[in-house]
Amino acid sequence: MRRLLTILGIALMLFTSCAAHRNATSGQGRDLHPDEVFTLTDEDIARETRHINGAIKGQWTYSGPSVDVSGKNLLAGMGKPIAKGKIKKKLKNAFKKIGLDKARPQFSFDEDGTCAIKLLGASMKGTYNYNPSQEKITIKWHGIPVTARLKRDGKKKLQLTFDADKLLKLFTLASKVSDSSALKALSFLMDHYEDVMVGFELKK
């Protein structure tokens, strides 16, 4: 009987100790489930987005055409530097005919994901999503997305290049120049060089 009472006494002490520990820690908050610990709030996402977009924040002005090449089937064995030079020359002439040398395009990016573009006499406001690890940006106006490659060159330069058909789409959104003979060079690139991206060199 004495042994049974001893066992019961020890059990009661352990129960009391556990209860006291729970009471003592209750003021520090309840235990969190792993899913709750790693849940991202809207504020967390917004803060990280502002941090990422801060790398391209500001106003960027056109300084010349830009050409980017990728893939293996480019100009039937012609080296990339030569190919880029030839295409860039054609692009520069096309841009000059369009009037980009005089009315230099401007791209403005804010940390909150909004953007503004001045292109061919048109001013457009929209939103953008920037992924620096993939060097990719998607700009959207009125629900119409245009995806491009965005490369940073130091803190003062950007290379913004598009597939030729997407650059035509951008021009079409900005102005009625899709039927202009000046855009034949872009159409030629689109039809013949799948691995070529064309666009703008931008400076801050």
N, C-alpha and C. Protein backbone atom coordinates (compact mmCIF):
# COMPACT_ATOMS: atom_id res chain seq x y z
N MET A 1 0.83 -1.20 0.00
CA MET A 1 0.00 0.00 0.00
C MET A 1 0.87 1.26 0.00
N ARG A 2 1.93 1.22 0.85
CA ARG A 2 2.83 2.37 0.93
C ARG A 2 3.51 2.61 -0.43
N ARG A 3 3.87 1.51 -1.11
CA ARG A 3 4.53 1.64 -2.42
C ARG A 3 3.60 2.26 -3.44
N LEU A 4 2.31 1.90 -3.41
CA LEU A 4 1.32 2.45 -4.32
C LEU A 4 1.14 3.94 -4.09
N LEU A 5 1.12 4.34 -2.81
CA LEU A 5 0.97 5.77 -2.49
C LEU A 5 2.17 6.57 -2.98
N THR A 6 3.34 5.94 -2.88
CA THR A 6 4.56 6.62 -3.35
C THR A 6 4.51 6.86 -4.85
N ILE A 7 4.08 5.83 -5.60
CA ILE A 7 3.97 5.95 -7.05
C ILE A 7 2.97 7.02 -7.44
N LEU A 8 1.81 7.04 -6.72
CA LEU A 8 0.79 8.04 -7.00
C LEU A 8 1.30 9.45 -6.70
N GLY A 9 2.11 9.56 -5.65
CA GLY A 9 2.67 10.86 -5.28
C GLY A 9 3.62 11.38 -6.34
N ILE A 10 4.46 10.48 -6.86
CA ILE A 10 5.40 10.89 -7.91
C ILE A 10 4.64 11.32 -9.16
N ALA A 11 3.60 10.56 -9.53
CA ALA A 11 2.80 10.90 -10.70
C ALA A 11 2.14 12.26 -10.55
N LEU A 12 1.64 12.54 -9.34
CA LEU A 12 1.01 13.83 -9.07
C LEU A 12 2.01 14.97 -9.19
N MET A 13 3.23 14.74 -8.72
CA MET A 13 4.27 15.77 -8.80
C MET A 13 4.62 16.07 -10.28
N LEU A 14 4.74 15.00 -11.08
CA LEU A 14 5.06 15.19 -12.49
C LEU A 14 3.95 15.94 -13.21
N PHE A 15 2.70 15.61 -12.90
CA PHE A 15 1.56 16.29 -13.53
C PHE A 15 1.55 17.76 -13.16
N THR A 16 1.80 18.04 -11.87
CA THR A 16 1.82 19.43 -11.39
C THR A 16 2.94 20.22 -12.05
N SER A 17 4.09 19.58 -12.22
CA SER A 17 5.24 20.24 -12.82
C SER A 17 4.96 20.58 -14.29
N CYS A 18 4.36 19.66 -15.02
CA CYS A 18 4.03 19.90 -16.43
C CYS A 18 3.01 21.02 -16.57
N ALA A 19 2.02 21.01 -15.69
CA ALA A 19 1.00 22.06 -15.73
C ALA A 19 1.60 23.42 -15.47
N ALA A 20 2.51 23.46 -14.49
CA ALA A 20 3.17 24.72 -14.16
C ALA A 20 4.01 25.23 -15.33
N HIS A 21 4.68 24.31 -16.04
CA HIS A 21 5.50 24.69 -17.18
C HIS A 21 4.64 25.27 -18.30
N ARG A 22 3.48 24.63 -18.52
CA ARG A 22 2.58 25.14 -19.57
C ARG A 22 2.08 26.52 -19.21
N ASN A 23 1.75 26.73 -17.93
CA ASN A 23 1.26 28.03 -17.49
C ASN A 23 2.34 29.10 -17.62
N ALA A 24 3.59 28.69 -17.33
CA ALA A 24 4.69 29.65 -17.37
C ALA A 24 5.00 30.09 -18.78
N THR A 25 4.84 29.19 -19.73
CA THR A 25 5.17 29.52 -21.12
C THR A 25 3.99 30.05 -21.90
N SER A 26 2.78 30.01 -21.33
CA SER A 26 1.61 30.46 -22.06
C SER A 26 1.68 31.94 -22.38
N GLY A 27 2.36 32.70 -21.56
CA GLY A 27 2.49 34.13 -21.80
C GLY A 27 3.43 34.44 -22.93
N GLN A 28 4.24 33.48 -23.32
CA GLN A 28 5.19 33.69 -24.41
C GLN A 28 4.60 33.32 -25.78
N GLY A 29 3.35 32.90 -25.77
CA GLY A 29 2.70 32.53 -27.03
C GLY A 29 2.65 31.03 -27.21
N ARG A 30 1.68 30.60 -28.01
CA ARG A 30 1.51 29.16 -28.23
C ARG A 30 2.56 28.63 -29.18
N ASP A 31 2.75 27.29 -29.16
CA ASP A 31 3.65 26.66 -30.10
C ASP A 31 3.10 26.84 -31.52
N LEU A 32 3.99 27.13 -32.47
CA LEU A 32 3.57 27.37 -33.84
C LEU A 32 3.78 26.13 -34.69
N HIS A 33 2.81 25.89 -35.54
CA HIS A 33 2.92 24.81 -36.51
C HIS A 33 3.96 25.22 -37.56
N PRO A 34 4.75 24.26 -38.09
CA PRO A 34 5.76 24.62 -39.11
C PRO A 34 5.20 25.44 -40.27
N ASP A 35 3.97 25.14 -40.71
CA ASP A 35 3.37 25.90 -41.81
C ASP A 35 3.20 27.37 -41.44
N GLU A 36 2.91 27.62 -40.15
CA GLU A 36 2.73 29.01 -39.72
C GLU A 36 4.07 29.73 -39.64
N VAL A 37 5.11 29.02 -39.25
CA VAL A 37 6.43 29.64 -39.12
C VAL A 37 6.92 30.14 -40.47
N PHE A 38 6.69 29.37 -41.55
CA PHE A 38 7.23 29.70 -42.86
C PHE A 38 6.22 30.38 -43.79
N THR A 39 5.09 30.81 -43.28
CA THR A 39 4.10 31.49 -44.10
C THR A 39 4.55 32.92 -44.39
N LEU A 40 4.50 33.31 -45.66
CA LEU A 40 4.85 34.68 -46.06
C LEU A 40 3.58 35.53 -46.08
N THR A 41 3.65 36.68 -45.46
CA THR A 41 2.52 37.59 -45.47
C THR A 41 2.60 38.49 -46.70
N ASP A 42 1.52 39.22 -46.96
CA ASP A 42 1.52 40.16 -48.08
C ASP A 42 2.58 41.23 -47.87
N GLU A 43 2.81 41.61 -46.63
CA GLU A 43 3.83 42.62 -46.32
C GLU A 43 5.23 42.09 -46.64
N ASP A 44 5.47 40.80 -46.32
CA ASP A 44 6.78 40.19 -46.64
C ASP A 44 7.03 40.20 -48.15
N ILE A 45 6.02 39.83 -48.92
CA ILE A 45 6.15 39.78 -50.37
C ILE A 45 6.37 41.17 -50.94
N ALA A 46 5.60 42.14 -50.44
CA ALA A 46 5.74 43.52 -50.93
C ALA A 46 7.12 44.07 -50.61
N ARG A 47 7.63 43.75 -49.42
CA ARG A 47 8.96 44.24 -49.02
C ARG A 47 10.05 43.65 -49.91
N GLU A 48 9.96 42.36 -50.20
CA GLU A 48 10.95 41.70 -51.04
C GLU A 48 10.87 42.22 -52.48
N THR A 49 9.64 42.45 -52.96
CA THR A 49 9.46 42.98 -54.31
C THR A 49 10.09 44.36 -54.45
N ARG A 50 9.89 45.21 -53.44
CA ARG A 50 10.50 46.56 -53.48
C ARG A 50 12.02 46.46 -53.49
N HIS A 51 12.56 45.49 -52.74
CA HIS A 51 14.00 45.31 -52.69
C HIS A 51 14.55 44.90 -54.06
N ILE A 52 13.88 43.95 -54.72
CA ILE A 52 14.31 43.48 -56.04
C ILE A 52 14.20 44.60 -57.07
N ASN A 53 13.06 45.30 -57.06
CA ASN A 53 12.84 46.35 -58.05
C ASN A 53 13.73 47.56 -57.83
N GLY A 54 14.27 47.68 -56.64
CA GLY A 54 15.15 48.80 -56.35
C GLY A 54 16.39 48.81 -57.24
N ALA A 55 16.78 47.65 -57.76
CA ALA A 55 17.97 47.56 -58.61
C ALA A 55 17.79 48.26 -59.95
N ILE A 56 16.54 48.41 -60.41
CA ILE A 56 16.29 49.06 -61.70
C ILE A 56 15.44 50.32 -61.54
N LYS A 57 15.24 50.74 -60.32
CA LYS A 57 14.42 51.93 -60.06
C LYS A 57 15.02 53.16 -60.72
N GLY A 58 14.17 54.01 -61.29
CA GLY A 58 14.62 55.26 -61.87
C GLY A 58 14.20 55.41 -63.32
N GLN A 59 14.67 56.48 -63.93
CA GLN A 59 14.34 56.78 -65.33
C GLN A 59 15.52 56.44 -66.22
N TRP A 60 15.24 55.67 -67.28
CA TRP A 60 16.27 55.20 -68.20
C TRP A 60 15.94 55.71 -69.60
N THR A 61 16.96 56.25 -70.27
CA THR A 61 16.77 56.88 -71.58
C THR A 61 17.53 56.14 -72.67
N TYR A 62 16.90 56.04 -73.81
CA TYR A 62 17.49 55.35 -74.98
C TYR A 62 18.82 55.98 -75.39
N SER A 63 19.84 55.13 -75.57
CA SER A 63 21.13 55.62 -76.05
C SER A 63 21.57 54.93 -77.34
N GLY A 64 20.84 53.90 -77.76
CA GLY A 64 21.18 53.21 -79.00
C GLY A 64 20.48 51.86 -79.06
N PRO A 65 20.59 51.19 -80.21
CA PRO A 65 19.97 49.86 -80.33
C PRO A 65 20.79 48.80 -79.59
N SER A 66 20.13 47.74 -79.21
CA SER A 66 20.80 46.63 -78.53
C SER A 66 20.41 45.32 -79.21
N VAL A 67 21.37 44.42 -79.35
CA VAL A 67 21.15 43.11 -79.96
C VAL A 67 21.68 42.04 -79.03
N ASP A 68 20.89 41.01 -78.80
CA ASP A 68 21.31 39.89 -77.98
C ASP A 68 21.05 38.62 -78.76
N VAL A 69 22.00 37.71 -78.76
CA VAL A 69 21.85 36.48 -79.53
C VAL A 69 22.03 35.28 -78.61
N SER A 70 21.35 34.20 -78.96
CA SER A 70 21.47 32.96 -78.21
C SER A 70 21.17 31.81 -79.16
N GLY A 71 21.41 30.60 -78.69
CA GLY A 71 21.14 29.46 -79.54
C GLY A 71 22.31 29.11 -80.44
N LYS A 72 22.17 28.02 -81.19
CA LYS A 72 23.26 27.49 -82.01
C LYS A 72 23.08 27.77 -83.50
N ASN A 73 21.85 27.92 -83.95
CA ASN A 73 21.61 28.06 -85.39
C ASN A 73 21.55 29.53 -85.77
N LEU A 74 22.69 30.20 -85.74
CA LEU A 74 22.72 31.63 -86.01
C LEU A 74 23.54 31.92 -87.26
N LEU A 75 22.90 32.44 -88.29
CA LEU A 75 23.56 32.91 -89.51
C LEU A 75 24.48 31.86 -90.13
N ALA A 76 24.09 30.61 -90.03
CA ALA A 76 24.78 29.52 -90.73
C ALA A 76 26.30 29.56 -90.55
N GLY A 77 26.74 29.57 -89.30
CA GLY A 77 28.16 29.49 -89.02
C GLY A 77 28.86 30.81 -88.81
N MET A 78 28.18 31.93 -89.03
CA MET A 78 28.81 33.22 -88.80
C MET A 78 28.96 33.45 -87.31
N GLY A 79 30.10 33.97 -86.86
CA GLY A 79 30.35 34.18 -85.45
C GLY A 79 29.39 35.18 -84.84
N LYS A 80 29.13 35.03 -83.56
CA LYS A 80 28.19 35.91 -82.88
C LYS A 80 28.58 37.38 -82.93
N PRO A 81 29.84 37.75 -82.69
CA PRO A 81 30.20 39.18 -82.76
C PRO A 81 29.90 39.80 -84.11
N ILE A 82 30.20 39.06 -85.20
CA ILE A 82 29.94 39.56 -86.55
C ILE A 82 28.43 39.68 -86.76
N ALA A 83 27.71 38.65 -86.33
CA ALA A 83 26.26 38.65 -86.49
C ALA A 83 25.64 39.82 -85.75
N LYS A 84 26.06 40.04 -84.52
CA LYS A 84 25.51 41.13 -83.73
C LYS A 84 25.78 42.47 -84.39
N GLY A 85 26.99 42.63 -84.94
CA GLY A 85 27.34 43.89 -85.59
C GLY A 85 26.48 44.17 -86.81
N LYS A 86 26.26 43.16 -87.63
CA LYS A 86 25.46 43.33 -88.83
C LYS A 86 24.00 43.63 -88.49
N ILE A 87 23.46 42.88 -87.54
CA ILE A 87 22.07 43.08 -87.16
C ILE A 87 21.88 44.44 -86.48
N LYS A 88 22.85 44.82 -85.67
CA LYS A 88 22.77 46.10 -84.97
C LYS A 88 22.76 47.26 -85.95
N LYS A 89 23.52 47.13 -87.03
CA LYS A 89 23.55 48.18 -88.05
C LYS A 89 22.19 48.31 -88.72
N LYS A 90 21.58 47.18 -89.08
CA LYS A 90 20.24 47.21 -89.67
C LYS A 90 19.24 47.81 -88.69
N LEU A 91 19.36 47.43 -87.43
CA LEU A 91 18.44 47.91 -86.41
C LEU A 91 18.58 49.42 -86.20
N LYS A 92 19.82 49.89 -86.21
CA LYS A 92 20.07 51.33 -86.04
C LYS A 92 19.43 52.13 -87.15
N ASN A 93 19.54 51.64 -88.39
CA ASN A 93 18.92 52.33 -89.52
C ASN A 93 17.40 52.34 -89.40
N ALA A 94 16.84 51.20 -88.98
CA ALA A 94 15.39 51.12 -88.81
C ALA A 94 14.92 52.07 -87.72
N PHE A 95 15.61 52.09 -86.59
CA PHE A 95 15.24 52.98 -85.50
C PHE A 95 15.35 54.45 -85.91
N LYS A 96 16.36 54.76 -86.72
CA LYS A 96 16.55 56.14 -87.17
C LYS A 96 15.38 56.57 -88.05
N LYS A 97 14.92 55.67 -88.93
CA LYS A 97 13.78 55.98 -89.79
C LYS A 97 12.51 56.18 -88.97
N ILE A 98 12.37 55.41 -87.92
CA ILE A 98 11.20 55.54 -87.07
C ILE A 98 11.23 56.85 -86.30
N GLY A 99 12.43 57.34 -86.01
CA GLY A 99 12.56 58.60 -85.28
C GLY A 99 13.01 58.46 -83.85
N LEU A 100 13.57 57.30 -83.50
CA LEU A 100 13.97 57.08 -82.12
C LEU A 100 15.19 57.92 -81.72
N ASP A 101 16.02 58.31 -82.71
CA ASP A 101 17.19 59.12 -82.39
C ASP A 101 16.80 60.50 -81.85
N LYS A 102 15.71 61.05 -82.41
CA LYS A 102 15.27 62.38 -81.98
C LYS A 102 14.36 62.29 -80.75
N ALA A 103 13.35 61.46 -80.83
CA ALA A 103 12.43 61.27 -79.70
C ALA A 103 12.87 60.04 -78.93
N ARG A 104 13.87 60.22 -78.11
CA ARG A 104 14.47 59.08 -77.42
C ARG A 104 13.48 58.44 -76.44
N PRO A 105 13.25 57.12 -76.57
CA PRO A 105 12.36 56.44 -75.63
C PRO A 105 12.87 56.54 -74.19
N GLN A 106 11.95 56.57 -73.26
CA GLN A 106 12.28 56.59 -71.84
C GLN A 106 11.47 55.53 -71.11
N PHE A 107 12.13 54.82 -70.23
CA PHE A 107 11.49 53.80 -69.40
C PHE A 107 11.72 54.17 -67.93
N SER A 108 10.65 54.27 -67.18
CA SER A 108 10.76 54.58 -65.75
C SER A 108 10.17 53.43 -64.95
N PHE A 109 10.94 52.94 -63.98
CA PHE A 109 10.50 51.85 -63.13
C PHE A 109 10.48 52.30 -61.67
N ASP A 110 9.37 52.03 -60.99
CA ASP A 110 9.26 52.34 -59.56
C ASP A 110 9.34 51.05 -58.75
N GLU A 111 9.70 51.19 -57.48
CA GLU A 111 9.87 50.02 -56.61
C GLU A 111 8.57 49.25 -56.40
N ASP A 112 7.44 49.95 -56.52
CA ASP A 112 6.15 49.29 -56.24
C ASP A 112 5.64 48.46 -57.41
N GLY A 113 6.43 48.36 -58.51
CA GLY A 113 6.02 47.54 -59.64
C GLY A 113 5.25 48.28 -60.71
N THR A 114 5.17 49.61 -60.61
CA THR A 114 4.55 50.41 -61.66
C THR A 114 5.62 50.96 -62.58
N CYS A 115 5.25 51.26 -63.82
CA CYS A 115 6.21 51.77 -64.79
C CYS A 115 5.53 52.77 -65.71
N ALA A 116 6.37 53.57 -66.36
CA ALA A 116 5.89 54.53 -67.35
C ALA A 116 6.86 54.52 -68.52
N ILE A 117 6.31 54.59 -69.74
CA ILE A 117 7.14 54.54 -70.94
C ILE A 117 6.73 55.66 -71.89
N LYS A 118 7.73 56.34 -72.42
CA LYS A 118 7.52 57.31 -73.49
C LYS A 118 8.16 56.75 -74.75
N LEU A 119 7.31 56.52 -75.75
CA LEU A 119 7.81 55.85 -76.96
C LEU A 119 7.01 56.33 -78.16
N LEU A 120 7.72 56.86 -79.16
CA LEU A 120 7.10 57.28 -80.41
C LEU A 120 5.95 58.26 -80.20
N GLY A 121 6.16 59.18 -79.27
CA GLY A 121 5.15 60.20 -79.01
C GLY A 121 4.04 59.79 -78.07
N ALA A 122 4.05 58.55 -77.65
CA ALA A 122 3.01 58.07 -76.74
C ALA A 122 3.57 57.92 -75.33
N SER A 123 2.73 58.20 -74.34
CA SER A 123 3.08 57.99 -72.94
C SER A 123 2.17 56.91 -72.39
N MET A 124 2.79 55.87 -71.86
CA MET A 124 2.02 54.73 -71.38
C MET A 124 2.41 54.40 -69.95
N LYS A 125 1.41 54.08 -69.14
CA LYS A 125 1.65 53.66 -67.76
C LYS A 125 1.14 52.25 -67.58
N GLY A 126 1.87 51.47 -66.79
CA GLY A 126 1.46 50.10 -66.57
C GLY A 126 2.15 49.52 -65.36
N THR A 127 2.27 48.21 -65.35
CA THR A 127 2.94 47.49 -64.26
C THR A 127 3.99 46.57 -64.85
N TYR A 128 4.88 46.10 -63.99
CA TYR A 128 5.91 45.18 -64.47
C TYR A 128 6.27 44.18 -63.39
N ASN A 129 6.82 43.06 -63.83
CA ASN A 129 7.33 42.04 -62.94
C ASN A 129 8.75 41.72 -63.36
N TYR A 130 9.70 41.89 -62.45
CA TYR A 130 11.12 41.74 -62.77
C TYR A 130 11.70 40.54 -62.04
N ASN A 131 12.38 39.66 -62.79
CA ASN A 131 13.04 38.49 -62.22
C ASN A 131 14.53 38.57 -62.55
N PRO A 132 15.35 39.09 -61.63
CA PRO A 132 16.78 39.29 -61.95
C PRO A 132 17.54 38.00 -62.19
N SER A 133 17.17 36.91 -61.53
CA SER A 133 17.90 35.65 -61.71
C SER A 133 17.74 35.11 -63.13
N GLN A 134 16.60 35.39 -63.76
CA GLN A 134 16.36 34.95 -65.14
C GLN A 134 16.59 36.08 -66.15
N GLU A 135 16.97 37.27 -65.65
CA GLU A 135 17.14 38.45 -66.49
C GLU A 135 15.90 38.66 -67.36
N LYS A 136 14.75 38.63 -66.72
CA LYS A 136 13.48 38.69 -67.43
C LYS A 136 12.58 39.75 -66.81
N ILE A 137 11.88 40.48 -67.68
CA ILE A 137 10.90 41.45 -67.21
C ILE A 137 9.65 41.33 -68.08
N THR A 138 8.50 41.40 -67.45
CA THR A 138 7.23 41.38 -68.17
C THR A 138 6.51 42.69 -67.87
N ILE A 139 6.28 43.47 -68.91
CA ILE A 139 5.60 44.76 -68.78
C ILE A 139 4.17 44.59 -69.29
N LYS A 140 3.22 45.19 -68.57
CA LYS A 140 1.82 44.96 -68.91
C LYS A 140 1.06 46.30 -68.99
N TRP A 141 0.32 46.48 -70.09
CA TRP A 141 -0.60 47.61 -70.24
C TRP A 141 -1.98 47.08 -70.55
N HIS A 142 -2.96 47.55 -69.79
CA HIS A 142 -4.36 47.17 -70.03
C HIS A 142 -4.51 45.66 -70.19
N GLY A 143 -3.76 44.91 -69.38
CA GLY A 143 -3.85 43.46 -69.42
C GLY A 143 -3.05 42.80 -70.52
N ILE A 144 -2.32 43.59 -71.34
CA ILE A 144 -1.53 43.02 -72.43
C ILE A 144 -0.08 42.92 -71.98
N PRO A 145 0.46 41.69 -71.81
CA PRO A 145 1.84 41.53 -71.36
C PRO A 145 2.84 41.50 -72.52
N VAL A 146 3.99 42.13 -72.30
CA VAL A 146 5.10 42.07 -73.25
C VAL A 146 6.34 41.66 -72.46
N THR A 147 6.91 40.50 -72.80
CA THR A 147 8.06 39.97 -72.06
C THR A 147 9.35 40.32 -72.78
N ALA A 148 10.38 40.65 -72.00
CA ALA A 148 11.66 41.04 -72.57
C ALA A 148 12.79 40.51 -71.69
N ARG A 149 14.01 40.61 -72.22
CA ARG A 149 15.20 40.28 -71.44
C ARG A 149 15.81 41.58 -70.94
N LEU A 150 16.10 41.64 -69.66
CA LEU A 150 16.65 42.85 -69.06
C LEU A 150 17.97 42.52 -68.39
N LYS A 151 19.05 43.10 -68.92
CA LYS A 151 20.38 42.88 -68.37
C LYS A 151 20.92 44.19 -67.80
N ARG A 152 21.44 44.11 -66.59
CA ARG A 152 22.08 45.28 -65.99
C ARG A 152 23.55 45.31 -66.39
N ASP A 153 24.02 46.50 -66.74
CA ASP A 153 25.43 46.72 -67.07
C ASP A 153 25.94 47.79 -66.11
N GLY A 154 26.34 47.37 -64.93
CA GLY A 154 26.69 48.32 -63.89
C GLY A 154 25.44 48.96 -63.31
N LYS A 155 25.58 50.14 -62.75
CA LYS A 155 24.46 50.83 -62.11
C LYS A 155 23.80 51.85 -63.03
N LYS A 156 24.44 52.15 -64.17
CA LYS A 156 23.96 53.24 -65.00
C LYS A 156 23.48 52.79 -66.38
N LYS A 157 23.54 51.47 -66.68
CA LYS A 157 23.16 51.01 -68.00
C LYS A 157 22.27 49.77 -67.91
N LEU A 158 21.32 49.70 -68.84
CA LEU A 158 20.46 48.53 -68.98
C LEU A 158 20.40 48.14 -70.45
N GLN A 159 20.27 46.84 -70.70
CA GLN A 159 19.98 46.34 -72.04
C GLN A 159 18.61 45.69 -72.00
N LEU A 160 17.68 46.26 -72.74
CA LEU A 160 16.31 45.77 -72.77
C LEU A 160 16.03 45.24 -74.18
N THR A 161 15.95 43.92 -74.32
CA THR A 161 15.79 43.31 -75.65
C THR A 161 14.57 42.41 -75.69
N PHE A 162 13.97 42.34 -76.87
CA PHE A 162 12.73 41.60 -77.09
C PHE A 162 12.90 40.64 -78.27
N ASP A 163 12.08 39.61 -78.30
CA ASP A 163 11.90 38.89 -79.55
C ASP A 163 11.33 39.90 -80.54
N ALA A 164 11.72 39.78 -81.81
CA ALA A 164 11.34 40.79 -82.80
C ALA A 164 9.82 40.99 -82.87
N ASP A 165 9.05 39.91 -82.75
CA ASP A 165 7.60 40.06 -82.82
C ASP A 165 7.05 40.82 -81.62
N LYS A 166 7.70 40.65 -80.46
CA LYS A 166 7.25 41.38 -79.26
C LYS A 166 7.63 42.85 -79.34
N LEU A 167 8.76 43.16 -79.97
CA LEU A 167 9.12 44.56 -80.16
C LEU A 167 8.14 45.24 -81.12
N LEU A 168 7.75 44.53 -82.16
CA LEU A 168 6.71 45.04 -83.06
C LEU A 168 5.41 45.29 -82.30
N LYS A 169 5.10 44.39 -81.39
CA LYS A 169 3.89 44.53 -80.57
C LYS A 169 3.98 45.78 -79.70
N LEU A 170 5.18 46.03 -79.14
CA LEU A 170 5.38 47.21 -78.31
C LEU A 170 5.20 48.48 -79.13
N PHE A 171 5.77 48.51 -80.32
CA PHE A 171 5.61 49.68 -81.19
C PHE A 171 4.14 49.88 -81.56
N THR A 172 3.45 48.77 -81.79
CA THR A 172 2.03 48.86 -82.16
C THR A 172 1.21 49.43 -81.02
N LEU A 173 1.53 49.05 -79.80
CA LEU A 173 0.84 49.58 -78.64
C LEU A 173 1.08 51.08 -78.49
N ALA A 174 2.29 51.51 -78.86
CA ALA A 174 2.66 52.91 -78.67
C ALA A 174 2.18 53.80 -79.80
N SER A 175 2.17 53.28 -81.03
CA SER A 175 1.85 54.14 -82.17
C SER A 175 1.46 53.27 -83.36
N LYS A 176 0.80 53.88 -84.32
CA LYS A 176 0.38 53.15 -85.51
C LYS A 176 1.51 53.12 -86.53
N VAL A 177 2.53 52.35 -86.23
CA VAL A 177 3.66 52.26 -87.14
C VAL A 177 3.86 50.83 -87.64
N SER A 178 2.94 49.95 -87.35
CA SER A 178 3.12 48.54 -87.71
C SER A 178 3.15 48.33 -89.23
N ASP A 179 2.57 49.27 -90.00
CA ASP A 179 2.58 49.12 -91.45
C ASP A 179 3.68 49.93 -92.11
N SER A 180 4.52 50.59 -91.33
CA SER A 180 5.57 51.43 -91.88
C SER A 180 6.66 50.58 -92.51
N SER A 181 7.21 51.08 -93.61
CA SER A 181 8.30 50.38 -94.28
C SER A 181 9.55 50.35 -93.42
N ALA A 182 9.63 51.25 -92.45
CA ALA A 182 10.79 51.30 -91.56
C ALA A 182 10.87 50.07 -90.68
N LEU A 183 9.77 49.36 -90.52
CA LEU A 183 9.76 48.17 -89.66
C LEU A 183 10.02 46.88 -90.44
N LYS A 184 10.33 46.99 -91.71
CA LYS A 184 10.62 45.79 -92.49
C LYS A 184 11.86 45.06 -91.96
N ALA A 185 12.81 45.84 -91.43
CA ALA A 185 14.01 45.22 -90.87
C ALA A 185 13.66 44.32 -89.69
N LEU A 186 12.73 44.77 -88.87
CA LEU A 186 12.31 43.96 -87.73
C LEU A 186 11.56 42.72 -88.21
N SER A 187 10.74 42.88 -89.21
CA SER A 187 10.01 41.73 -89.75
C SER A 187 10.98 40.72 -90.35
N PHE A 188 12.03 41.22 -91.00
CA PHE A 188 13.05 40.35 -91.58
C PHE A 188 13.74 39.54 -90.48
N LEU A 189 14.09 40.20 -89.38
CA LEU A 189 14.73 39.50 -88.26
C LEU A 189 13.80 38.44 -87.70
N MET A 190 12.53 38.79 -87.57
CA MET A 190 11.56 37.87 -86.99
C MET A 190 11.39 36.62 -87.85
N ASP A 191 11.47 36.81 -89.18
CA ASP A 191 11.27 35.69 -90.10
C ASP A 191 12.50 34.80 -90.26
N HIS A 192 13.72 35.37 -90.06
CA HIS A 192 14.93 34.64 -90.39
C HIS A 192 15.80 34.25 -89.19
N TYR A 193 15.72 34.98 -88.10
CA TYR A 193 16.65 34.74 -86.99
C TYR A 193 15.87 34.53 -85.69
N GLU A 194 15.57 33.27 -85.40
CA GLU A 194 14.77 32.96 -84.23
C GLU A 194 15.53 33.21 -82.93
N ASP A 195 16.85 33.16 -82.98
CA ASP A 195 17.65 33.28 -81.77
C ASP A 195 18.13 34.70 -81.50
N VAL A 196 17.57 35.67 -82.20
CA VAL A 196 18.00 37.06 -82.05
C VAL A 196 16.95 37.85 -81.27
N MET A 197 17.43 38.64 -80.30
CA MET A 197 16.57 39.55 -79.56
C MET A 197 17.07 40.96 -79.80
N VAL A 198 16.16 41.89 -80.02
CA VAL A 198 16.53 43.26 -80.37
C VAL A 198 15.79 44.24 -79.47
N GLY A 199 16.42 45.40 -79.26
CA GLY A 199 15.80 46.37 -78.39
C GLY A 199 16.63 47.60 -78.17
N PHE A 200 16.77 48.00 -76.91
CA PHE A 200 17.34 49.29 -76.58
C PHE A 200 18.46 49.19 -75.56
N GLU A 201 19.50 49.99 -75.78
CA GLU A 201 20.46 50.26 -74.72
C GLU A 201 19.97 51.50 -73.98
N LEU A 202 19.90 51.41 -72.67
CA LEU A 202 19.35 52.50 -71.86
C LEU A 202 20.38 52.99 -70.86
N LYS A 203 20.38 54.31 -70.63
CA LYS A 203 21.26 54.91 -69.64
C LYS A 203 20.45 55.71 -68.63
N LYS A 204 20.96 55.78 -67.42
CA LYS A 204 20.28 56.51 -66.36
C LYS A 204 20.65 57.99 -66.43
